[in-house]
Amino acid sequence: MTHHYSGPNFGFPRGDARLDLTDLFAFPQPGDASRSVIIMNMHPSSTLNPPEPTTPEPFAPEAIYELRVDTNEDMVADIAYRVRFSRSGKGAMTATVRRAEGSEAAGRGEEGQVIIEGSPVSMGREALVTKSGAYRLFAGWRSDPFFFDVEGVLNNMQFTGKDWFADKDVCSIALELPVSDIGGGARLNLWHRSLVQVNGEWVQADRGARPSQTPFLADAEREAYLDGEPAQDERFVPMFAHALEKTGGYTPQGAEAAARSLLPDVLPYDPKMPAAYPGNGRMPRDDAKDVFLTVLNGRLTWDKCGPHTDMLDEFPFLGAPHEVRSMGAEPSESRPTVQVMGR
């Protein structure tokens, strides 16, 4: 996973922006340590030189968007939350979430128990939140929480603090769930992935947990990486180390150590502890890109950008989108609202 183009030649995975994962967040629900919030983002805005236009449809109905949870440190999913989307007419969509365990979770497919069904997708500024039993779900367009000076990178790392993402949007899936549902408070490894069917088989289009991983890989290696699992990431350590030695001025030993700090590509998360990237989970306001810069080159520690001011202090935590894309919707200057629907 990279922010924002994971596929070959820095394009979208399988040429589809809706399959392109951007950021993964995990943190305790504020005020209730017995619950956690997981946010998966995808479908980034086009870059300075867009590889292709993005589609106004937020999610791909033919895809599975999946959160994977390793509970025993073997880097294999023991629990999976799988989200599918359906078109419901006049530009609307709904979401269904399934929870799988054991061998079902470890495999590729849409098996699992339905825990949320028919949840409306937010196409405009209003955040439609569905409550179903012990779960809450949001899915739809949101303001991109990522912040980084892209133009500074292109100008030989001369950062000015101009945040290219300040007015950009992503599509977000936010799930609030009981800690008991994900191992009861054990230390976890999390990652997310998108899958599509090719010739009747589910194929992994994108996967990851940490930002800015795939730039270390050539296109042939990138395909293998995107189709892989964290349990297999040891094979990519030499490739990461070689790139870091060239760009970061590392010794061979230092480059290997830095590469191992990025692999396997999982987000460690202990729901009993406060979240802070990179050691434990990730909050939307955490500056993950500065952490990456420090690994890439120890002399670079800050791009002079800070968190966006439109983020919320309540579920779904990300600000309202900058552009309204739903059919027939009109932009609103009023304060965005959050609507909760119980089931």
Protein backbone atom coordinates (compact mmCIF):
# COMPACT_ATOMS: atom_id res chain seq x y z
CA MET A 1 0.00 0.00 0.00
CA THR A 2 1.24 3.44 -0.81
CA HIS A 3 -0.28 6.84 -0.64
CA HIS A 4 -1.72 7.01 -3.10
CA TYR A 5 -0.96 4.82 -6.14
CA SER A 6 -0.12 1.20 -5.43
CA GLY A 7 -0.23 -0.35 -8.87
CA PRO A 8 2.41 -0.72 -11.59
CA ASN A 9 3.95 2.50 -12.91
CA PHE A 10 2.40 4.29 -9.92
CA GLY A 11 -1.05 3.69 -11.36
CA PHE A 12 -4.11 2.24 -9.71
CA PRO A 13 -4.22 -1.50 -8.91
CA ARG A 14 -5.72 -3.26 -11.92
CA GLY A 15 -6.41 0.20 -13.34
CA ASP A 16 -9.24 0.89 -10.86
CA ALA A 17 -9.01 3.75 -8.35
CA ARG A 18 -11.75 2.14 -6.25
CA LEU A 19 -9.39 -0.76 -5.44
CA ASP A 20 -6.51 1.49 -4.39
CA LEU A 21 -6.03 1.42 -0.60
CA THR A 22 -4.56 4.48 1.08
CA ASP A 23 -4.54 4.52 4.89
CA LEU A 24 -5.42 2.21 7.77
CA PHE A 25 -6.24 3.53 11.26
CA ALA A 26 -6.90 1.67 14.51
CA PHE A 27 -7.52 3.24 17.91
CA PRO A 28 -9.64 2.83 21.06
CA GLN A 29 -13.06 4.47 20.96
CA PRO A 30 -12.62 7.74 22.90
CA GLY A 31 -14.23 7.37 26.31
CA ASP A 32 -14.81 3.62 26.01
CA ALA A 33 -11.73 1.38 26.11
CA SER A 34 -13.90 -1.71 25.59
CA ARG A 35 -14.44 -0.68 21.97
CA SER A 36 -12.14 0.06 19.03
CA VAL A 37 -12.46 1.99 15.78
CA ILE A 38 -10.93 0.73 12.54
CA ILE A 39 -10.86 3.01 9.49
CA MET A 40 -9.91 1.78 6.02
CA ASN A 41 -9.50 4.39 3.27
CA MET A 42 -9.31 3.93 -0.48
CA HIS A 43 -10.10 5.60 -3.84
CA PRO A 44 -7.68 8.55 -3.69
CA SER A 45 -7.94 11.79 -5.61
CA SER A 46 -5.90 12.08 -8.79
CA THR A 47 -2.29 13.13 -8.38
CA LEU A 48 -0.34 15.93 -10.07
CA ASN A 49 -0.11 13.79 -13.21
CA PRO A 50 -3.17 11.54 -12.89
CA PRO A 51 -2.70 8.03 -14.32
CA GLU A 52 -6.39 8.00 -15.21
CA PRO A 53 -9.58 9.71 -14.06
CA THR A 54 -11.23 8.49 -10.90
CA THR A 55 -14.85 7.36 -10.94
CA PRO A 56 -17.53 9.16 -8.90
CA GLU A 57 -18.76 5.75 -7.69
CA PRO A 58 -17.09 5.35 -4.27
CA PHE A 59 -16.73 1.57 -4.06
CA ALA A 60 -16.60 -1.30 -6.56
CA PRO A 61 -19.61 -3.65 -6.18
CA GLU A 62 -17.55 -6.44 -7.73
CA ALA A 63 -14.86 -6.13 -5.05
CA ILE A 64 -14.34 -7.21 -1.44
CA TYR A 65 -12.82 -4.72 1.00
CA GLU A 66 -11.36 -6.60 3.91
CA LEU A 67 -9.83 -5.92 7.33
CA ARG A 68 -7.52 -8.76 8.40
CA VAL A 69 -6.67 -9.46 12.03
CA ASP A 70 -3.80 -11.64 13.25
CA THR A 71 -4.23 -12.51 16.93
CA ASN A 72 -1.23 -14.83 17.52
CA GLU A 73 1.76 -13.15 15.81
CA ASP A 74 2.01 -15.60 12.89
CA MET A 75 1.05 -12.89 10.36
CA VAL A 76 -1.88 -14.99 9.13
CA ALA A 77 -5.43 -13.68 9.51
CA ASP A 78 -7.44 -15.33 12.29
CA ILE A 79 -10.38 -12.91 11.93
CA ALA A 80 -11.56 -11.01 8.84
CA TYR A 81 -14.22 -8.36 8.28
CA ARG A 82 -15.39 -8.36 4.66
CA VAL A 83 -17.35 -5.50 3.15
CA ARG A 84 -19.33 -5.80 -0.10
CA PHE A 85 -21.28 -3.03 -1.81
CA SER A 86 -24.42 -3.09 -3.94
CA ARG A 87 -25.99 -0.49 -6.18
CA SER A 88 -29.48 0.42 -5.02
CA GLY A 89 -30.69 2.78 -7.75
CA LYS A 90 -30.38 6.50 -8.58
CA GLY A 91 -26.69 6.53 -7.77
CA ALA A 92 -27.12 5.07 -4.26
CA MET A 93 -25.23 2.15 -2.74
CA THR A 94 -25.52 -0.05 0.34
CA ALA A 95 -22.92 -2.03 2.31
CA THR A 96 -22.96 -5.48 3.88
CA VAL A 97 -20.31 -6.62 6.38
CA ARG A 98 -19.41 -10.23 7.18
CA ARG A 99 -17.17 -11.52 9.95
CA ALA A 100 -15.10 -14.68 9.34
CA GLU A 101 -12.84 -16.70 11.64
CA GLY A 102 -10.22 -19.43 11.33
CA SER A 103 -9.72 -21.04 7.94
CA GLU A 104 -12.48 -18.90 6.43
CA ALA A 105 -10.65 -15.75 7.49
CA ALA A 106 -7.28 -17.01 6.25
CA GLY A 107 -8.59 -17.70 2.74
CA ARG A 108 -9.84 -15.58 -0.13
CA GLY A 109 -13.59 -15.36 -0.51
CA GLU A 110 -16.74 -13.77 0.84
CA GLU A 111 -17.57 -16.33 3.52
CA GLY A 112 -18.54 -15.17 7.00
CA GLN A 113 -21.47 -14.31 9.24
CA VAL A 114 -23.41 -11.20 8.26
CA ILE A 115 -23.12 -8.60 11.05
CA ILE A 116 -24.37 -5.53 9.14
CA GLU A 117 -26.63 -5.58 6.09
CA GLY A 118 -28.03 -2.89 3.78
CA SER A 119 -26.17 0.02 5.37
CA PRO A 120 -26.58 3.15 3.17
CA VAL A 121 -23.41 4.63 1.70
CA SER A 122 -22.79 8.35 2.24
CA MET A 123 -22.56 10.02 -1.15
CA GLY A 124 -22.64 13.61 0.12
CA ARG A 125 -21.54 15.64 3.13
CA GLU A 126 -23.89 14.01 5.62
CA ALA A 127 -22.33 11.05 7.44
CA LEU A 128 -24.81 8.17 7.45
CA VAL A 129 -23.94 5.84 10.33
CA THR A 130 -25.62 2.46 10.78
CA LYS A 131 -25.86 0.80 14.21
CA SER A 132 -26.33 -2.95 14.14
CA GLY A 133 -26.08 -4.85 17.41
CA ALA A 134 -22.61 -4.24 18.86
CA TYR A 135 -21.35 -2.58 15.66
CA ARG A 136 -21.41 0.83 14.01
CA LEU A 137 -20.54 1.35 10.36
CA PHE A 138 -19.85 4.31 8.13
CA ALA A 139 -19.03 4.00 4.43
CA GLY A 140 -18.72 6.81 1.93
CA TRP A 141 -16.84 9.89 0.77
CA ARG A 142 -14.76 11.78 3.35
CA SER A 143 -12.09 14.46 3.47
CA ASP A 144 -8.67 12.83 3.04
CA PRO A 145 -6.90 12.88 6.44
CA PHE A 146 -3.47 12.36 4.85
CA PHE A 147 -1.17 15.39 4.96
CA PHE A 148 2.09 15.80 3.06
CA ASP A 149 4.04 18.29 0.92
CA VAL A 150 4.11 16.45 -2.42
CA GLU A 151 5.59 19.40 -4.31
CA GLY A 152 8.44 19.52 -1.81
CA VAL A 153 9.33 15.91 -2.65
CA LEU A 154 9.37 16.75 -6.35
CA ASN A 155 11.60 19.76 -5.58
CA ASN A 156 14.48 17.67 -4.21
CA MET A 157 12.96 17.38 -0.73
CA GLN A 158 12.80 21.15 -0.25
CA PHE A 159 9.69 21.29 1.92
CA THR A 160 7.58 24.43 2.28
CA GLY A 161 4.64 22.97 4.19
CA LYS A 162 2.21 23.20 1.27
CA ASP A 163 -0.17 20.31 1.90
CA TRP A 164 -1.29 18.91 -1.43
CA PHE A 165 -3.98 16.79 0.23
CA ALA A 166 -5.71 19.62 2.11
CA ASP A 167 -8.64 19.75 -0.35
CA LYS A 168 -8.67 16.12 -1.47
CA ASP A 169 -11.17 13.34 -0.73
CA VAL A 170 -11.06 9.58 -0.19
CA CYS A 171 -13.62 6.87 0.36
CA SER A 172 -13.74 5.54 3.88
CA ILE A 173 -15.02 2.47 5.69
CA ALA A 174 -15.16 3.07 9.47
CA LEU A 175 -16.14 0.20 11.76
CA GLU A 176 -16.63 0.51 15.51
CA LEU A 177 -16.61 -2.85 17.28
CA PRO A 178 -16.13 -4.48 20.70
CA VAL A 179 -12.56 -5.34 21.67
CA SER A 180 -13.90 -8.77 22.62
CA ASP A 181 -14.64 -9.28 18.91
CA ILE A 182 -10.95 -9.01 17.95
CA GLY A 183 -9.23 -11.16 20.52
CA GLY A 184 -10.37 -9.64 23.78
CA GLY A 185 -7.49 -7.22 24.23
CA ALA A 186 -4.56 -9.26 22.87
CA ARG A 187 -1.86 -7.52 20.84
CA LEU A 188 -2.91 -7.66 17.19
CA ASN A 189 -1.44 -7.24 13.74
CA LEU A 190 -3.80 -5.55 11.28
CA TRP A 191 -3.80 -4.97 7.55
CA HIS A 192 -6.40 -4.45 4.86
CA ARG A 193 -6.82 -5.58 1.29
CA SER A 194 -9.07 -5.33 -1.76
CA LEU A 195 -9.99 -8.31 -3.92
CA VAL A 196 -11.70 -8.80 -7.30
CA GLN A 197 -12.65 -11.88 -9.26
CA VAL A 198 -10.57 -12.90 -12.29
CA ASN A 199 -11.74 -15.95 -14.21
CA GLY A 200 -13.91 -16.95 -11.27
CA GLU A 201 -11.11 -16.71 -8.70
CA TRP A 202 -10.66 -14.04 -6.05
CA VAL A 203 -7.44 -12.09 -6.72
CA GLN A 204 -5.81 -9.64 -4.32
CA ALA A 205 -5.62 -6.21 -5.98
CA ASP A 206 -4.03 -4.22 -3.15
CA ARG A 207 -2.96 -4.82 0.45
CA GLY A 208 -1.03 -3.17 3.24
CA ALA A 209 -1.04 -1.31 6.52
CA ARG A 210 1.84 1.17 6.50
CA PRO A 211 1.99 4.13 4.09
CA SER A 212 4.55 4.38 1.29
CA GLN A 213 5.74 0.81 0.95
CA THR A 214 5.60 -0.04 -2.76
CA PRO A 215 7.94 2.75 -4.06
CA PHE A 216 10.79 0.51 -2.91
CA LEU A 217 9.83 -2.11 -5.51
CA ALA A 218 10.19 -2.42 -9.26
CA ASP A 219 6.99 -3.16 -11.17
CA ALA A 220 7.57 -6.93 -11.37
CA GLU A 221 8.28 -7.07 -7.65
CA ARG A 222 5.31 -4.82 -6.91
CA GLU A 223 2.86 -7.26 -8.46
CA ALA A 224 4.20 -10.04 -6.22
CA TYR A 225 4.09 -7.75 -3.19
CA LEU A 226 0.48 -6.67 -3.75
CA ASP A 227 -0.61 -10.29 -4.17
CA GLY A 228 1.31 -11.44 -1.09
CA GLU A 229 0.63 -11.81 2.62
CA PRO A 230 2.58 -10.37 5.58
CA ALA A 231 3.75 -13.89 6.47
CA GLN A 232 5.70 -13.86 3.18
CA ASP A 233 7.23 -10.38 3.52
CA GLU A 234 10.68 -11.65 4.54
CA ARG A 235 11.41 -12.18 0.84
CA PHE A 236 11.11 -8.43 0.20
CA VAL A 237 13.65 -7.35 2.85
CA PRO A 238 16.63 -7.40 0.40
CA MET A 239 14.73 -5.27 -2.12
CA PHE A 240 13.73 -2.71 0.50
CA ALA A 241 17.26 -2.68 1.93
CA HIS A 242 18.82 -2.11 -1.50
CA ALA A 243 16.55 0.89 -2.14
CA LEU A 244 17.22 2.34 1.32
CA GLU A 245 20.98 1.94 0.91
CA LYS A 246 20.81 3.94 -2.33
CA THR A 247 18.47 6.70 -1.16
CA GLY A 248 19.15 6.99 2.55
CA GLY A 249 22.90 6.72 2.76
CA TYR A 250 22.70 3.61 4.95
CA THR A 251 25.40 1.01 5.42
CA PRO A 252 24.29 -2.45 4.22
CA GLN A 253 23.62 -3.48 7.82
CA GLY A 254 21.76 -0.26 8.58
CA ALA A 255 19.69 -0.61 5.40
CA GLU A 256 18.61 -4.12 6.36
CA ALA A 257 17.62 -2.97 9.85
CA ALA A 258 15.60 -0.08 8.36
CA ALA A 259 13.92 -2.46 5.91
CA ARG A 260 12.93 -4.77 8.74
CA SER A 261 11.32 -1.83 10.53
CA LEU A 262 8.92 -1.59 7.54
CA LEU A 263 8.25 -5.31 7.11
CA PRO A 264 6.11 -7.29 7.54
CA ASP A 265 3.58 -4.76 6.32
CA VAL A 266 1.20 -4.80 9.28
CA LEU A 267 -0.10 -2.28 11.80
CA PRO A 268 0.60 -3.48 15.37
CA TYR A 269 -2.28 -2.67 17.68
CA ASP A 270 -2.88 -3.28 21.38
CA PRO A 271 -6.43 -2.06 22.07
CA LYS A 272 -5.67 -1.74 25.80
CA MET A 273 -3.08 0.99 25.13
CA PRO A 274 -3.36 4.52 23.69
CA ALA A 275 -2.86 4.58 19.94
CA ALA A 276 0.24 6.27 18.48
CA TYR A 277 1.91 5.46 15.17
CA PRO A 278 4.12 3.53 14.51
CA GLY A 279 4.29 1.63 17.80
CA ASN A 280 0.60 1.03 18.46
CA GLY A 281 -2.22 1.55 15.99
CA ARG A 282 -2.68 4.89 14.26
CA MET A 283 -4.86 7.92 14.87
CA PRO A 284 -6.03 10.09 11.93
CA ARG A 285 -3.94 12.97 13.27
CA ASP A 286 -0.73 10.92 13.56
CA ASP A 287 2.00 12.12 11.19
CA ALA A 288 2.85 8.80 9.54
CA LYS A 289 4.66 10.44 6.65
CA ASP A 290 7.22 12.05 8.93
CA VAL A 291 7.92 8.61 10.40
CA PHE A 292 8.48 7.33 6.87
CA LEU A 293 10.78 10.24 6.02
CA THR A 294 12.92 9.44 9.05
CA VAL A 295 13.30 5.84 7.88
CA LEU A 296 13.95 6.92 4.30
CA ASN A 297 16.60 9.46 5.27
CA GLY A 298 17.42 10.25 8.90
CA ARG A 299 18.22 13.85 8.01
CA LEU A 300 14.59 14.41 6.96
CA THR A 301 12.18 14.40 9.87
CA TRP A 302 9.42 16.90 8.97
CA ASP A 303 7.76 18.12 5.78
CA LYS A 304 6.30 21.14 7.66
CA CYS A 305 2.71 19.87 7.23
CA GLY A 306 0.32 19.15 10.09
CA PRO A 307 -3.05 17.42 10.57
CA HIS A 308 -6.11 18.77 8.82
CA THR A 309 -8.44 20.93 10.87
CA ASP A 310 -11.66 19.41 9.47
CA MET A 311 -11.33 16.09 11.29
CA LEU A 312 -14.07 15.17 13.77
CA ASP A 313 -13.86 14.14 17.42
CA GLU A 314 -16.68 11.63 16.97
CA PHE A 315 -17.46 8.69 14.70
CA PRO A 316 -16.62 8.51 11.78
CA PHE A 317 -13.80 10.94 12.74
CA LEU A 318 -12.93 12.09 9.21
CA GLY A 319 -14.26 15.41 7.93
CA ALA A 320 -16.98 15.90 5.33
CA PRO A 321 -15.88 15.59 1.69
CA HIS A 322 -14.88 18.68 -0.22
CA GLU A 323 -16.81 17.68 -3.35
CA VAL A 324 -20.38 16.34 -3.47
CA ARG A 325 -20.60 13.51 -6.00
CA SER A 326 -24.02 11.95 -5.41
CA MET A 327 -26.53 12.22 -8.23
CA GLY A 328 -28.80 15.18 -7.77
CA ALA A 329 -27.01 16.37 -4.60
CA GLU A 330 -26.15 20.00 -4.12
CA PRO A 331 -23.14 21.25 -2.15
CA SER A 332 -24.02 22.60 1.26
CA GLU A 333 -22.30 25.37 3.17
CA SER A 334 -23.91 24.27 6.42
CA ARG A 335 -22.07 22.28 9.06
CA PRO A 336 -21.92 18.60 8.02
CA THR A 337 -24.16 16.36 10.09
CA VAL A 338 -23.94 12.79 11.35
CA GLN A 339 -27.11 10.70 11.08
CA VAL A 340 -27.31 7.44 13.02
CA MET A 341 -29.65 4.67 11.93
CA GLY A 342 -30.31 1.83 14.37
CA ARG A 343 -31.04 -1.76 13.47
